[in-house]
Amino acid sequence: MTPTRARTLVLTAMVCAAGMWLLLQQVYTSLPLLPWSGVPALALLAIAEAICGRSVRARLHGHGTPIPPIAVARLAALAKASSLAGAFIGGLAAGFLIYVAGSVDKSSAYRSDAFASGATLGAAALLIAAAVYLEYGCRVPTGRDQDAEPGGPPQSGAPR
């Protein structure tokens, strides 16, 4: 599994934003108000992934109890999926925000949708950042990383 690339996330968000904007051109007036329920869900997931990222990174560098390799692989897969989901949801929210931004002074429905989509976009950005951090924390340290860590075991060929 290769690390998540920033261009993949940006491209996903841009395609979703454009698709949402085009869809809203046709159906916005028939939609109910945008719900706020996604914001806390995305934020809680981002917090959990950031905490896991810190813990996994510390445990892989020898601080605390060792972590099974299968757990690291599962967390890396979760991080990759979460970053793509965050880009997808963030793109949809960005498309929604772009559509309603020009009309916030027309009615309270536009204003409410703008705030909800902006908050959803922010929470999705937090999820992407936390997922990328978790994915980075799941990388197995190389010999150079272990030498830089205080108390890390010396590598063969390294001066003692």
C-alpha atoms as a PDB file:
ATOM      1  CA  MET A   1       0.000   0.000   0.000  1.00  0.00           C
ATOM      2  CA  THR A   2       1.438   3.340  -1.022  1.00  0.00           C
ATOM      3  CA  PRO A   3       1.092   6.514   1.043  1.00  0.00           C
ATOM      4  CA  THR A   4      -1.809   8.797   0.243  1.00  0.00           C
ATOM      5  CA  ARG A   5      -0.830  11.526  -2.192  1.00  0.00           C
ATOM      6  CA  ALA A   6      -1.976  15.088  -1.736  1.00  0.00           C
ATOM      7  CA  ARG A   7      -2.919  15.349  -5.396  1.00  0.00           C
ATOM      8  CA  THR A   8      -5.318  12.417  -5.021  1.00  0.00           C
ATOM      9  CA  LEU A   9      -7.073  14.162  -2.159  1.00  0.00           C
ATOM     10  CA  VAL A  10      -7.185  17.512  -3.966  1.00  0.00           C
ATOM     11  CA  LEU A  11      -8.465  15.944  -7.185  1.00  0.00           C
ATOM     12  CA  THR A  12     -11.154  14.017  -5.291  1.00  0.00           C
ATOM     13  CA  ALA A  13     -12.294  17.179  -3.506  1.00  0.00           C
ATOM     14  CA  MET A  14     -12.339  19.222  -6.714  1.00  0.00           C
ATOM     15  CA  VAL A  15     -14.369  16.648  -8.653  1.00  0.00           C
ATOM     16  CA  CYS A  16     -16.863  16.324  -5.784  1.00  0.00           C
ATOM     17  CA  ALA A  17     -17.150  20.105  -5.422  1.00  0.00           C
ATOM     18  CA  ALA A  18     -17.804  20.563  -9.135  1.00  0.00           C
ATOM     19  CA  GLY A  19     -20.327  17.721  -9.166  1.00  0.00           C
ATOM     20  CA  MET A  20     -22.173  19.105  -6.149  1.00  0.00           C
ATOM     21  CA  TRP A  21     -22.260  22.597  -7.618  1.00  0.00           C
ATOM     22  CA  LEU A  22     -23.684  21.253 -10.887  1.00  0.00           C
ATOM     23  CA  LEU A  23     -26.266  19.167  -9.044  1.00  0.00           C
ATOM     24  CA  LEU A  24     -27.366  22.090  -6.891  1.00  0.00           C
ATOM     25  CA  GLN A  25     -27.978  24.161 -10.007  1.00  0.00           C
ATOM     26  CA  GLN A  26     -30.871  21.808 -10.728  1.00  0.00           C
ATOM     27  CA  VAL A  27     -32.266  20.716  -7.359  1.00  0.00           C
ATOM     28  CA  TYR A  28     -31.361  23.228  -4.605  1.00  0.00           C
ATOM     29  CA  THR A  29     -34.849  24.687  -4.207  1.00  0.00           C
ATOM     30  CA  SER A  30     -36.364  21.261  -3.519  1.00  0.00           C
ATOM     31  CA  LEU A  31     -33.833  20.297  -0.804  1.00  0.00           C
ATOM     32  CA  PRO A  32     -34.365  20.648   2.965  1.00  0.00           C
ATOM     33  CA  LEU A  33     -31.878  22.613   5.073  1.00  0.00           C
ATOM     34  CA  LEU A  34     -28.414  21.092   5.290  1.00  0.00           C
ATOM     35  CA  PRO A  35     -28.067  19.197   8.605  1.00  0.00           C
ATOM     36  CA  TRP A  36     -25.301  19.850  11.139  1.00  0.00           C
ATOM     37  CA  SER A  37     -25.044  16.198  12.220  1.00  0.00           C
ATOM     38  CA  GLY A  38     -21.961  15.492  10.114  1.00  0.00           C
ATOM     39  CA  VAL A  39     -19.840  18.113  11.840  1.00  0.00           C
ATOM     40  CA  PRO A  40     -19.504  16.449  15.276  1.00  0.00           C
ATOM     41  CA  ALA A  41     -19.150  13.000  13.713  1.00  0.00           C
ATOM     42  CA  LEU A  42     -16.255  14.125  11.506  1.00  0.00           C
ATOM     43  CA  ALA A  43     -14.663  16.078  14.356  1.00  0.00           C
ATOM     44  CA  LEU A  44     -14.825  13.128  16.764  1.00  0.00           C
ATOM     45  CA  LEU A  45     -13.313  10.814  14.163  1.00  0.00           C
ATOM     46  CA  ALA A  46     -10.542  13.342  13.531  1.00  0.00           C
ATOM     47  CA  ILE A  47      -9.766  13.556  17.257  1.00  0.00           C
ATOM     48  CA  ALA A  48      -9.708   9.759  17.605  1.00  0.00           C
ATOM     49  CA  GLU A  49      -7.395   9.357  14.610  1.00  0.00           C
ATOM     50  CA  ALA A  50      -5.028  12.055  15.852  1.00  0.00           C
ATOM     51  CA  ILE A  51      -4.791  10.372  19.260  1.00  0.00           C
ATOM     52  CA  CYS A  52      -4.213   6.985  17.602  1.00  0.00           C
ATOM     53  CA  GLY A  53      -1.552   8.498  15.357  1.00  0.00           C
ATOM     54  CA  ARG A  54       0.372   9.842  18.314  1.00  0.00           C
ATOM     55  CA  SER A  55       0.085   6.568  20.214  1.00  0.00           C
ATOM     56  CA  VAL A  56       1.060   4.359  17.277  1.00  0.00           C
ATOM     57  CA  ARG A  57       4.059   6.510  16.407  1.00  0.00           C
ATOM     58  CA  ALA A  58       5.315   6.391  20.006  1.00  0.00           C
ATOM     59  CA  ARG A  59       4.793   2.639  20.266  1.00  0.00           C
ATOM     60  CA  LEU A  60       6.589   1.988  16.956  1.00  0.00           C
ATOM     61  CA  HIS A  61       9.543   4.009  18.221  1.00  0.00           C
ATOM     62  CA  GLY A  62       9.808   1.804  21.317  1.00  0.00           C
ATOM     63  CA  HIS A  63       7.928   3.892  23.876  1.00  0.00           C
ATOM     64  CA  GLY A  64       5.262   1.862  25.653  1.00  0.00           C
ATOM     65  CA  THR A  65       4.031  -1.603  24.810  1.00  0.00           C
ATOM     66  CA  PRO A  66       4.800  -3.012  21.372  1.00  0.00           C
ATOM     67  CA  ILE A  67       1.999  -2.917  18.833  1.00  0.00           C
ATOM     68  CA  PRO A  68       1.172  -5.940  16.646  1.00  0.00           C
ATOM     69  CA  PRO A  69       2.003  -5.429  12.966  1.00  0.00           C
ATOM     70  CA  ILE A  70      -1.550  -6.327  11.892  1.00  0.00           C
ATOM     71  CA  ALA A  71      -2.906  -3.506  14.060  1.00  0.00           C
ATOM     72  CA  VAL A  72      -0.566  -1.047  12.362  1.00  0.00           C
ATOM     73  CA  ALA A  73      -1.694  -2.278   8.935  1.00  0.00           C
ATOM     74  CA  ARG A  74      -5.345  -1.909   9.899  1.00  0.00           C
ATOM     75  CA  LEU A  75      -4.786   1.599  11.217  1.00  0.00           C
ATOM     76  CA  ALA A  76      -2.941   2.542   8.028  1.00  0.00           C
ATOM     77  CA  ALA A  77      -5.882   1.275   5.966  1.00  0.00           C
ATOM     78  CA  LEU A  78      -8.281   3.240   8.192  1.00  0.00           C
ATOM     79  CA  ALA A  79      -6.172   6.364   7.719  1.00  0.00           C
ATOM     80  CA  LYS A  80      -6.112   5.989   3.946  1.00  0.00           C
ATOM     81  CA  ALA A  81      -9.873   5.436   3.784  1.00  0.00           C
ATOM     82  CA  SER A  82     -10.570   8.314   6.159  1.00  0.00           C
ATOM     83  CA  SER A  83      -8.463  10.774   4.193  1.00  0.00           C
ATOM     84  CA  LEU A  84     -10.306   9.882   0.990  1.00  0.00           C
ATOM     85  CA  ALA A  85     -13.686  10.068   2.747  1.00  0.00           C
ATOM     86  CA  GLY A  86     -12.728  13.450   4.199  1.00  0.00           C
ATOM     87  CA  ALA A  87     -11.748  14.698   0.732  1.00  0.00           C
ATOM     88  CA  PHE A  88     -15.028  13.412  -0.689  1.00  0.00           C
ATOM     89  CA  ILE A  89     -17.180  14.971   2.036  1.00  0.00           C
ATOM     90  CA  GLY A  90     -15.112  18.144   2.056  1.00  0.00           C
ATOM     91  CA  GLY A  91     -15.510  18.467  -1.702  1.00  0.00           C
ATOM     92  CA  LEU A  92     -19.270  18.062  -1.438  1.00  0.00           C
ATOM     93  CA  ALA A  93     -19.385  20.670   1.324  1.00  0.00           C
ATOM     94  CA  ALA A  94     -17.165  23.024  -0.692  1.00  0.00           C
ATOM     95  CA  GLY A  95     -19.442  22.703  -3.712  1.00  0.00           C
ATOM     96  CA  PHE A  96     -22.434  23.435  -1.501  1.00  0.00           C
ATOM     97  CA  LEU A  97     -20.681  26.433   0.038  1.00  0.00           C
ATOM     98  CA  ILE A  98     -19.678  27.823  -3.350  1.00  0.00           C
ATOM     99  CA  TYR A  99     -23.254  27.525  -4.580  1.00  0.00           C
ATOM    100  CA  VAL A 100     -24.901  29.234  -1.588  1.00  0.00           C
ATOM    101  CA  ALA A 101     -22.156  31.822  -0.897  1.00  0.00           C
ATOM    102  CA  GLY A 102     -23.465  34.228  -3.490  1.00  0.00           C
ATOM    103  CA  SER A 103     -26.982  34.159  -2.047  1.00  0.00           C
ATOM    104  CA  VAL A 104     -26.496  34.393   1.734  1.00  0.00           C
ATOM    105  CA  ASP A 105     -28.188  37.796   1.822  1.00  0.00           C
ATOM    106  CA  LYS A 106     -31.335  36.498   0.052  1.00  0.00           C
ATOM    107  CA  SER A 107     -32.779  34.333   2.832  1.00  0.00           C
ATOM    108  CA  SER A 108     -32.007  32.657   6.119  1.00  0.00           C
ATOM    109  CA  ALA A 109     -32.057  29.236   4.408  1.00  0.00           C
ATOM    110  CA  TYR A 110     -29.050  30.173   2.278  1.00  0.00           C
ATOM    111  CA  ARG A 111     -27.282  31.573   5.335  1.00  0.00           C
ATOM    112  CA  SER A 112     -27.983  28.444   7.391  1.00  0.00           C
ATOM    113  CA  ASP A 113     -26.772  26.197   4.573  1.00  0.00           C
ATOM    114  CA  ALA A 114     -23.632  28.325   4.190  1.00  0.00           C
ATOM    115  CA  PHE A 115     -22.776  27.968   7.882  1.00  0.00           C
ATOM    116  CA  ALA A 116     -23.517  24.234   7.895  1.00  0.00           C
ATOM    117  CA  SER A 117     -21.493  23.572   4.747  1.00  0.00           C
ATOM    118  CA  GLY A 118     -18.610  25.731   6.013  1.00  0.00           C
ATOM    119  CA  ALA A 119     -18.524  23.856   9.320  1.00  0.00           C
ATOM    120  CA  THR A 120     -18.693  20.527   7.487  1.00  0.00           C
ATOM    121  CA  LEU A 121     -15.832  21.616   5.243  1.00  0.00           C
ATOM    122  CA  GLY A 122     -13.753  22.556   8.293  1.00  0.00           C
ATOM    123  CA  ALA A 123     -14.473  19.250  10.032  1.00  0.00           C
ATOM    124  CA  ALA A 124     -13.602  17.357   6.839  1.00  0.00           C
ATOM    125  CA  ALA A 125     -10.297  19.247   6.633  1.00  0.00           C
ATOM    126  CA  LEU A 126      -9.558  18.257  10.241  1.00  0.00           C
ATOM    127  CA  LEU A 127     -10.327  14.636   9.392  1.00  0.00           C
ATOM    128  CA  ILE A 128      -7.981  14.737   6.411  1.00  0.00           C
ATOM    129  CA  ALA A 129      -5.189  16.210   8.542  1.00  0.00           C
ATOM    130  CA  ALA A 130      -5.703  13.642  11.311  1.00  0.00           C
ATOM    131  CA  ALA A 131      -5.847  10.765   8.821  1.00  0.00           C
ATOM    132  CA  VAL A 132      -2.630  11.858   7.125  1.00  0.00           C
ATOM    133  CA  TYR A 133      -1.007  12.156  10.575  1.00  0.00           C
ATOM    134  CA  LEU A 134      -2.190   8.655  11.503  1.00  0.00           C
ATOM    135  CA  GLU A 135      -0.896   7.285   8.216  1.00  0.00           C
ATOM    136  CA  TYR A 136       2.452   8.971   8.853  1.00  0.00           C
ATOM    137  CA  GLY A 137       2.516   7.525  12.378  1.00  0.00           C
ATOM    138  CA  CYS A 138       2.019   4.010  11.003  1.00  0.00           C
ATOM    139  CA  ARG A 139       5.299   4.111   9.071  1.00  0.00           C
ATOM    140  CA  VAL A 140       7.875   1.721  10.431  1.00  0.00           C
ATOM    141  CA  PRO A 141      10.940   3.657  11.584  1.00  0.00           C
ATOM    142  CA  THR A 142      14.103   3.228   9.568  1.00  0.00           C
ATOM    143  CA  GLY A 143      17.565   2.878  11.070  1.00  0.00           C
ATOM    144  CA  ARG A 144      18.131   6.611  10.650  1.00  0.00           C
ATOM    145  CA  ASP A 145      14.910   7.384  12.583  1.00  0.00           C
ATOM    146  CA  GLN A 146      15.893   5.081  15.429  1.00  0.00           C
ATOM    147  CA  ASP A 147      19.355   6.620  15.707  1.00  0.00           C
ATOM    148  CA  ALA A 148      17.761  10.047  16.063  1.00  0.00           C
ATOM    149  CA  GLU A 149      15.498   8.856  18.894  1.00  0.00           C
ATOM    150  CA  PRO A 150      17.036   9.065  22.347  1.00  0.00           C
ATOM    151  CA  GLY A 151      17.375   5.633  23.844  1.00  0.00           C
ATOM    152  CA  GLY A 152      16.842   3.908  20.500  1.00  0.00           C
ATOM    153  CA  PRO A 153      18.866   0.753  19.907  1.00  0.00           C
ATOM    154  CA  PRO A 154      22.035   1.305  17.879  1.00  0.00           C
ATOM    155  CA  GLN A 155      21.980  -0.095  14.377  1.00  0.00           C
ATOM    156  CA  SER A 156      24.644  -2.395  12.997  1.00  0.00           C
ATOM    157  CA  GLY A 157      27.465  -0.355  11.583  1.00  0.00           C
ATOM    158  CA  ALA A 158      26.525   2.678  13.659  1.00  0.00           C
ATOM    159  CA  PRO A 159      29.152   4.065  16.030  1.00  0.00           C
ATOM    160  CA  ARG A 160      28.583   3.141  19.648  1.00  0.00           C
END
